[in-house]
């Protein structure tokens, strides 16, 4: 299992953008309500989680729900713990992977997208001063 830390969460009326770091790699998960419509209860789960996202227990459930579809891919990208200090370059400019979640047959699935800082903005600390 890998450890991770939340970097940022943006909630809009019908979407989430969730960013977390694990072993010097950044992961962005984009979730739009319109992509969850269809079979199953994903749209209801989305709005249920969104309603109380400030509650630590709900946030933990959200993380489990959102990271579930990319779990195996994250394990591939961060297979072993880092046994050295993180460099400044790794901290300020980590490899970034973007995923978009969607409903497929009532199951939450993920597409991996190319990272484009013009679309997703650079979430590293150096970009706080645009």
C-alpha atoms as a PDB file:
ATOM      1  CA  UNK A   1       0.000   0.000   0.000  1.00  0.00           C
ATOM      2  CA  UNK A   2       1.131   3.554  -0.653  1.00  0.00           C
ATOM      3  CA  UNK A   3       0.677   6.595   1.534  1.00  0.00           C
ATOM      4  CA  UNK A   4      -0.630   9.885   0.205  1.00  0.00           C
ATOM      5  CA  UNK A   5      -1.473  13.381   1.338  1.00  0.00           C
ATOM      6  CA  UNK A   6      -4.197  15.647   0.049  1.00  0.00           C
ATOM      7  CA  UNK A   7      -2.836  18.772  -1.604  1.00  0.00           C
ATOM      8  CA  UNK A   8      -6.029  20.471  -2.735  1.00  0.00           C
ATOM      9  CA  UNK A   9      -9.739  19.920  -3.216  1.00  0.00           C
ATOM     10  CA  UNK A  10     -11.953  22.228  -5.242  1.00  0.00           C
ATOM     11  CA  UNK A  11     -15.708  21.743  -5.066  1.00  0.00           C
ATOM     12  CA  UNK A  12     -17.984  23.434  -7.534  1.00  0.00           C
ATOM     13  CA  UNK A  13     -21.732  23.031  -7.945  1.00  0.00           C
ATOM     14  CA  UNK A  14     -21.467  19.858 -10.045  1.00  0.00           C
ATOM     15  CA  UNK A  15     -17.813  18.834  -9.872  1.00  0.00           C
ATOM     16  CA  UNK A  16     -14.754  18.094  -7.770  1.00  0.00           C
ATOM     17  CA  UNK A  17     -11.084  18.485  -8.531  1.00  0.00           C
ATOM     18  CA  UNK A  18      -9.003  16.512  -6.033  1.00  0.00           C
ATOM     19  CA  UNK A  19      -5.204  16.646  -5.930  1.00  0.00           C
ATOM     20  CA  UNK A  20      -2.966  14.451  -3.798  1.00  0.00           C
ATOM     21  CA  UNK A  21       0.726  13.595  -3.604  1.00  0.00           C
ATOM     22  CA  UNK A  22       2.352  10.223  -3.122  1.00  0.00           C
ATOM     23  CA  UNK A  23       6.086   9.594  -3.176  1.00  0.00           C
ATOM     24  CA  UNK A  24       6.972  12.756  -5.097  1.00  0.00           C
ATOM     25  CA  UNK A  25       4.255  12.296  -7.696  1.00  0.00           C
ATOM     26  CA  UNK A  26       1.127  14.436  -8.028  1.00  0.00           C
ATOM     27  CA  UNK A  27      -2.268  12.995  -8.917  1.00  0.00           C
ATOM     28  CA  UNK A  28      -5.279  15.031 -10.027  1.00  0.00           C
ATOM     29  CA  UNK A  29      -8.744  13.482 -10.115  1.00  0.00           C
ATOM     30  CA  UNK A  30     -11.465  15.349 -11.993  1.00  0.00           C
ATOM     31  CA  UNK A  31     -15.059  14.356 -11.222  1.00  0.00           C
ATOM     32  CA  UNK A  32     -18.038  15.915 -13.021  1.00  0.00           C
ATOM     33  CA  UNK A  33     -21.612  14.953 -12.118  1.00  0.00           C
ATOM     34  CA  UNK A  34     -22.613  14.684 -15.787  1.00  0.00           C
ATOM     35  CA  UNK A  35     -20.030  11.904 -16.300  1.00  0.00           C
ATOM     36  CA  UNK A  36     -21.572   9.895 -13.432  1.00  0.00           C
ATOM     37  CA  UNK A  37     -25.112   9.771 -14.788  1.00  0.00           C
ATOM     38  CA  UNK A  38     -26.436   6.415 -15.932  1.00  0.00           C
ATOM     39  CA  UNK A  39     -26.755   3.015 -14.334  1.00  0.00           C
ATOM     40  CA  UNK A  40     -26.268   2.566 -10.617  1.00  0.00           C
ATOM     41  CA  UNK A  41     -26.150   5.088  -7.799  1.00  0.00           C
ATOM     42  CA  UNK A  42     -22.910   6.957  -8.568  1.00  0.00           C
ATOM     43  CA  UNK A  43     -24.608  10.322  -9.038  1.00  0.00           C
ATOM     44  CA  UNK A  44     -26.328   9.938  -5.648  1.00  0.00           C
ATOM     45  CA  UNK A  45     -23.042   8.937  -4.008  1.00  0.00           C
ATOM     46  CA  UNK A  46     -21.350  11.973  -5.577  1.00  0.00           C
ATOM     47  CA  UNK A  47     -23.906  14.438  -4.212  1.00  0.00           C
ATOM     48  CA  UNK A  48     -24.024  12.639  -0.865  1.00  0.00           C
ATOM     49  CA  UNK A  49     -20.280  13.018  -0.428  1.00  0.00           C
ATOM     50  CA  UNK A  50     -20.252  16.554  -1.788  1.00  0.00           C
ATOM     51  CA  UNK A  51     -22.887  17.710   0.708  1.00  0.00           C
ATOM     52  CA  UNK A  52     -20.687  17.137   3.793  1.00  0.00           C
ATOM     53  CA  UNK A  53     -17.154  17.133   2.379  1.00  0.00           C
ATOM     54  CA  UNK A  54     -15.942  19.324   5.292  1.00  0.00           C
ATOM     55  CA  UNK A  55     -16.655  16.477   7.718  1.00  0.00           C
ATOM     56  CA  UNK A  56     -13.385  14.488   8.193  1.00  0.00           C
ATOM     57  CA  UNK A  57     -15.216  11.137   8.015  1.00  0.00           C
ATOM     58  CA  UNK A  58     -16.967  12.124   4.787  1.00  0.00           C
ATOM     59  CA  UNK A  59     -13.671  13.365   3.327  1.00  0.00           C
ATOM     60  CA  UNK A  60     -12.088   9.993   4.163  1.00  0.00           C
ATOM     61  CA  UNK A  61     -15.005   8.200   2.449  1.00  0.00           C
ATOM     62  CA  UNK A  62     -14.663  10.535  -0.544  1.00  0.00           C
ATOM     63  CA  UNK A  63     -10.943   9.753  -0.835  1.00  0.00           C
ATOM     64  CA  UNK A  64     -11.632   6.021  -0.756  1.00  0.00           C
ATOM     65  CA  UNK A  65     -14.405   6.430  -3.360  1.00  0.00           C
ATOM     66  CA  UNK A  66     -12.406   8.698  -5.693  1.00  0.00           C
ATOM     67  CA  UNK A  67      -9.036   6.942  -5.470  1.00  0.00           C
ATOM     68  CA  UNK A  68     -10.532   3.449  -5.824  1.00  0.00           C
ATOM     69  CA  UNK A  69     -10.697   3.502  -9.652  1.00  0.00           C
ATOM     70  CA  UNK A  70      -7.052   4.601  -9.973  1.00  0.00           C
ATOM     71  CA  UNK A  71      -5.629   2.533  -7.114  1.00  0.00           C
ATOM     72  CA  UNK A  72      -3.842  -0.028  -9.318  1.00  0.00           C
ATOM     73  CA  UNK A  73      -2.359   2.698 -11.549  1.00  0.00           C
ATOM     74  CA  UNK A  74      -1.086   4.626  -8.521  1.00  0.00           C
ATOM     75  CA  UNK A  75       0.503   1.423  -7.192  1.00  0.00           C
ATOM     76  CA  UNK A  76       2.325   1.043 -10.539  1.00  0.00           C
ATOM     77  CA  UNK A  77       3.588   4.623 -10.447  1.00  0.00           C
ATOM     78  CA  UNK A  78       4.710   4.626  -6.807  1.00  0.00           C
ATOM     79  CA  UNK A  79       5.759   1.003  -6.230  1.00  0.00           C
ATOM     80  CA  UNK A  80       8.296   1.427  -3.412  1.00  0.00           C
ATOM     81  CA  UNK A  81       8.875   3.856  -0.577  1.00  0.00           C
ATOM     82  CA  UNK A  82      11.474   6.553  -1.147  1.00  0.00           C
ATOM     83  CA  UNK A  83      14.490   6.046   1.108  1.00  0.00           C
ATOM     84  CA  UNK A  84      16.110   9.405   0.440  1.00  0.00           C
ATOM     85  CA  UNK A  85      15.279  13.053   0.941  1.00  0.00           C
ATOM     86  CA  UNK A  86      13.073  14.773  -1.601  1.00  0.00           C
ATOM     87  CA  UNK A  87      14.880  17.289  -3.785  1.00  0.00           C
ATOM     88  CA  UNK A  88      13.498  20.785  -4.325  1.00  0.00           C
ATOM     89  CA  UNK A  89      12.932  19.983  -7.999  1.00  0.00           C
ATOM     90  CA  UNK A  90      10.862  16.920  -7.066  1.00  0.00           C
ATOM     91  CA  UNK A  91       8.844  18.975  -4.600  1.00  0.00           C
ATOM     92  CA  UNK A  92       8.209  21.977  -6.846  1.00  0.00           C
ATOM     93  CA  UNK A  93       7.878  20.148 -10.155  1.00  0.00           C
ATOM     94  CA  UNK A  94       6.652  16.590  -9.571  1.00  0.00           C
ATOM     95  CA  UNK A  95       5.494  14.243 -12.288  1.00  0.00           C
ATOM     96  CA  UNK A  96       1.750  14.816 -12.555  1.00  0.00           C
ATOM     97  CA  UNK A  97      -0.933  12.354 -13.570  1.00  0.00           C
ATOM     98  CA  UNK A  98      -4.527  13.378 -14.294  1.00  0.00           C
ATOM     99  CA  UNK A  99      -7.582  11.156 -14.208  1.00  0.00           C
ATOM    100  CA  UNK A 100     -11.213  11.782 -15.079  1.00  0.00           C
ATOM    101  CA  UNK A 101     -13.802   9.580 -13.389  1.00  0.00           C
ATOM    102  CA  UNK A 102     -16.907   8.334 -15.179  1.00  0.00           C
ATOM    103  CA  UNK A 103     -19.776   5.867 -14.914  1.00  0.00           C
ATOM    104  CA  UNK A 104     -19.493   2.644 -16.882  1.00  0.00           C
ATOM    105  CA  UNK A 105     -22.280   0.191 -16.237  1.00  0.00           C
ATOM    106  CA  UNK A 106     -22.882   1.538 -12.747  1.00  0.00           C
ATOM    107  CA  UNK A 107     -19.203   1.277 -11.746  1.00  0.00           C
ATOM    108  CA  UNK A 108     -16.816   4.160 -11.166  1.00  0.00           C
ATOM    109  CA  UNK A 109     -14.035   4.039 -13.769  1.00  0.00           C
ATOM    110  CA  UNK A 110     -11.141   6.338 -14.697  1.00  0.00           C
ATOM    111  CA  UNK A 111      -9.552   7.648 -17.873  1.00  0.00           C
ATOM    112  CA  UNK A 112      -5.970   8.841 -17.651  1.00  0.00           C
ATOM    113  CA  UNK A 113      -5.522  12.226 -19.324  1.00  0.00           C
ATOM    114  CA  UNK A 114      -2.389  14.065 -20.403  1.00  0.00           C
ATOM    115  CA  UNK A 115      -1.312  16.732 -17.922  1.00  0.00           C
ATOM    116  CA  UNK A 116      -1.535  20.182 -19.458  1.00  0.00           C
ATOM    117  CA  UNK A 117      -0.736  23.037 -17.049  1.00  0.00           C
ATOM    118  CA  UNK A 118      -2.763  25.399 -19.238  1.00  0.00           C
ATOM    119  CA  UNK A 119      -5.874  23.336 -18.459  1.00  0.00           C
ATOM    120  CA  UNK A 120      -5.209  21.985 -14.974  1.00  0.00           C
ATOM    121  CA  UNK A 121      -2.913  24.759 -13.738  1.00  0.00           C
ATOM    122  CA  UNK A 122       0.284  23.924 -11.961  1.00  0.00           C
ATOM    123  CA  UNK A 123      -0.686  23.043  -8.383  1.00  0.00           C
ATOM    124  CA  UNK A 124       2.849  23.249  -7.005  1.00  0.00           C
ATOM    125  CA  UNK A 125       3.587  25.804  -4.283  1.00  0.00           C
ATOM    126  CA  UNK A 126       5.530  28.021  -6.688  1.00  0.00           C
ATOM    127  CA  UNK A 127       2.382  28.774  -8.675  1.00  0.00           C
ATOM    128  CA  UNK A 128       0.529  30.417  -5.813  1.00  0.00           C
ATOM    129  CA  UNK A 129       1.651  33.851  -6.973  1.00  0.00           C
ATOM    130  CA  UNK A 130       0.435  34.122 -10.576  1.00  0.00           C
END
